[in-house]
């Protein structure tokens, strides 16, 4: 996993969390759902990169 990919995944998670929190605070369901989706995508990128790294090591 490269540092760039790690930062991209973590960045998506942080931005998603922020959108989700702002959506909850402002009662904006669309923003909340968008944040949740972006956070989930960040977790998916992170898992994909970790799996690829494990396969390359063996």
N, C-alpha and C. Protein backbone atom coordinates (compact mmCIF):
# COMPACT_ATOMS: atom_id res chain seq x y z
N UNK A 1 0.86 -1.16 0.00
CA UNK A 1 0.00 0.00 0.00
C UNK A 1 0.91 1.23 0.00
N UNK A 2 0.70 2.06 -0.97
CA UNK A 2 1.52 3.26 -1.03
C UNK A 2 0.94 4.32 -0.10
N UNK A 3 1.78 5.25 0.25
CA UNK A 3 1.35 6.32 1.14
C UNK A 3 0.23 7.15 0.50
N UNK A 4 0.32 7.33 -0.81
CA UNK A 4 -0.69 8.11 -1.52
C UNK A 4 -2.06 7.43 -1.44
N UNK A 5 -2.08 6.11 -1.63
CA UNK A 5 -3.34 5.38 -1.56
C UNK A 5 -3.90 5.38 -0.15
N UNK A 6 -3.02 5.27 0.83
CA UNK A 6 -3.45 5.30 2.23
C UNK A 6 -4.08 6.64 2.56
N UNK A 7 -3.44 7.71 2.14
CA UNK A 7 -3.96 9.05 2.42
C UNK A 7 -5.29 9.28 1.69
N UNK A 8 -5.42 8.74 0.49
CA UNK A 8 -6.67 8.89 -0.26
C UNK A 8 -7.81 8.18 0.48
N UNK A 9 -7.54 6.98 0.98
CA UNK A 9 -8.56 6.22 1.70
C UNK A 9 -8.93 6.91 3.01
N UNK A 10 -7.92 7.32 3.76
CA UNK A 10 -8.19 7.98 5.04
C UNK A 10 -8.87 9.33 4.83
N UNK A 11 -8.48 10.04 3.77
CA UNK A 11 -9.11 11.32 3.45
C UNK A 11 -10.59 11.16 3.15
N UNK A 12 -10.92 10.13 2.39
CA UNK A 12 -12.33 9.87 2.07
C UNK A 12 -13.11 9.53 3.33
N UNK A 13 -12.48 8.80 4.24
CA UNK A 13 -13.14 8.46 5.50
C UNK A 13 -13.40 9.71 6.34
N UNK A 14 -12.41 10.58 6.43
CA UNK A 14 -12.56 11.80 7.23
C UNK A 14 -13.59 12.74 6.62
N UNK A 15 -13.52 12.95 5.33
CA UNK A 15 -14.48 13.83 4.67
C UNK A 15 -15.89 13.27 4.80
N UNK A 16 -16.01 11.96 4.64
CA UNK A 16 -17.32 11.32 4.79
C UNK A 16 -17.88 11.49 6.19
N UNK A 17 -17.03 11.34 7.18
CA UNK A 17 -17.46 11.51 8.57
C UNK A 17 -17.91 12.94 8.81
N UNK A 18 -17.16 13.91 8.29
CA UNK A 18 -17.53 15.31 8.46
C UNK A 18 -18.87 15.62 7.80
N UNK A 19 -19.08 15.13 6.59
CA UNK A 19 -20.35 15.36 5.89
C UNK A 19 -21.50 14.73 6.67
N UNK A 20 -21.26 13.55 7.21
CA UNK A 20 -22.29 12.86 7.97
C UNK A 20 -22.66 13.66 9.23
N UNK A 21 -21.67 14.17 9.93
CA UNK A 21 -21.92 14.95 11.14
C UNK A 21 -22.65 16.25 10.82
N UNK A 22 -22.20 16.94 9.77
CA UNK A 22 -22.86 18.19 9.39
C UNK A 22 -24.29 17.91 8.94
N UNK A 23 -24.49 16.82 8.23
CA UNK A 23 -25.84 16.44 7.80
C UNK A 23 -26.76 16.17 8.98
N UNK A 24 -26.23 15.50 10.01
CA UNK A 24 -27.02 15.25 11.21
C UNK A 24 -27.34 16.56 11.93
N UNK A 25 -26.35 17.43 12.04
CA UNK A 25 -26.53 18.69 12.77
C UNK A 25 -27.53 19.61 12.08
N UNK A 26 -27.55 19.58 10.76
CA UNK A 26 -28.44 20.48 10.01
C UNK A 26 -29.72 19.79 9.55
N UNK A 27 -29.88 18.54 9.95
CA UNK A 27 -31.05 17.74 9.55
C UNK A 27 -31.17 17.63 8.04
N UNK A 28 -30.01 17.51 7.39
CA UNK A 28 -29.94 17.37 5.94
C UNK A 28 -29.67 15.90 5.62
N UNK A 29 -30.71 15.16 5.30
CA UNK A 29 -30.57 13.72 5.07
C UNK A 29 -29.71 13.40 3.85
N UNK A 30 -29.80 14.24 2.82
CA UNK A 30 -29.01 14.00 1.62
C UNK A 30 -27.51 14.10 1.93
N UNK A 31 -27.11 15.13 2.65
CA UNK A 31 -25.71 15.31 3.01
C UNK A 31 -25.24 14.19 3.94
N UNK A 32 -26.10 13.79 4.84
CA UNK A 32 -25.79 12.70 5.77
C UNK A 32 -25.56 11.39 5.00
N UNK A 33 -26.43 11.10 4.05
CA UNK A 33 -26.29 9.88 3.24
C UNK A 33 -25.04 9.93 2.37
N UNK A 34 -24.77 11.10 1.82
CA UNK A 34 -23.58 11.28 0.99
C UNK A 34 -22.32 11.04 1.82
N UNK A 35 -22.31 11.55 3.03
CA UNK A 35 -21.17 11.35 3.92
C UNK A 35 -20.98 9.90 4.29
N UNK A 36 -22.07 9.23 4.58
CA UNK A 36 -22.00 7.81 4.92
C UNK A 36 -21.45 7.00 3.74
N UNK A 37 -21.90 7.32 2.54
CA UNK A 37 -21.42 6.62 1.34
C UNK A 37 -19.94 6.87 1.11
N UNK A 38 -19.51 8.11 1.29
CA UNK A 38 -18.10 8.44 1.07
C UNK A 38 -17.21 7.77 2.12
N UNK A 39 -17.69 7.72 3.35
CA UNK A 39 -16.94 7.05 4.41
C UNK A 39 -16.81 5.56 4.12
N UNK A 40 -17.88 4.95 3.67
CA UNK A 40 -17.87 3.53 3.33
C UNK A 40 -16.92 3.26 2.16
N UNK A 41 -16.92 4.15 1.18
CA UNK A 41 -16.01 4.01 0.04
C UNK A 41 -14.56 4.09 0.51
N UNK A 42 -14.28 4.97 1.45
CA UNK A 42 -12.93 5.08 2.00
C UNK A 42 -12.51 3.80 2.71
N UNK A 43 -13.42 3.19 3.45
CA UNK A 43 -13.12 1.92 4.11
C UNK A 43 -12.86 0.83 3.07
N UNK A 44 -13.62 0.86 1.98
CA UNK A 44 -13.43 -0.11 0.91
C UNK A 44 -12.08 0.04 0.24
N UNK A 45 -11.66 1.28 -0.02
CA UNK A 45 -10.35 1.53 -0.60
C UNK A 45 -9.24 1.03 0.32
N UNK A 46 -9.41 1.30 1.60
CA UNK A 46 -8.43 0.89 2.60
C UNK A 46 -8.31 -0.63 2.63
N UNK A 47 -9.43 -1.33 2.64
CA UNK A 47 -9.42 -2.79 2.68
C UNK A 47 -8.81 -3.37 1.40
N UNK A 48 -9.12 -2.76 0.26
CA UNK A 48 -8.58 -3.23 -1.02
C UNK A 48 -7.06 -3.10 -1.03
N UNK A 49 -6.56 -1.97 -0.58
CA UNK A 49 -5.12 -1.74 -0.56
C UNK A 49 -4.41 -2.68 0.41
N UNK A 50 -5.02 -2.93 1.56
CA UNK A 50 -4.41 -3.85 2.53
C UNK A 50 -4.36 -5.26 1.97
N UNK A 51 -5.42 -5.69 1.29
CA UNK A 51 -5.45 -7.03 0.69
C UNK A 51 -4.39 -7.15 -0.41
N UNK A 52 -4.27 -6.14 -1.24
CA UNK A 52 -3.27 -6.15 -2.30
C UNK A 52 -1.86 -6.21 -1.71
N UNK A 53 -1.64 -5.48 -0.64
CA UNK A 53 -0.34 -5.48 0.02
C UNK A 53 -0.02 -6.87 0.57
N UNK A 54 -0.99 -7.52 1.17
CA UNK A 54 -0.77 -8.87 1.72
C UNK A 54 -0.43 -9.86 0.61
N UNK A 55 -1.11 -9.74 -0.53
CA UNK A 55 -0.83 -10.64 -1.64
C UNK A 55 0.56 -10.42 -2.23
N UNK A 56 1.00 -9.19 -2.27
CA UNK A 56 2.33 -8.89 -2.80
C UNK A 56 3.44 -9.40 -1.88
N UNK A 57 3.17 -9.44 -0.59
CA UNK A 57 4.19 -9.87 0.37
C UNK A 57 4.45 -11.37 0.27
N UNK A 58 3.49 -12.15 -0.16
CA UNK A 58 3.65 -13.61 -0.17
C UNK A 58 4.00 -14.12 -1.51
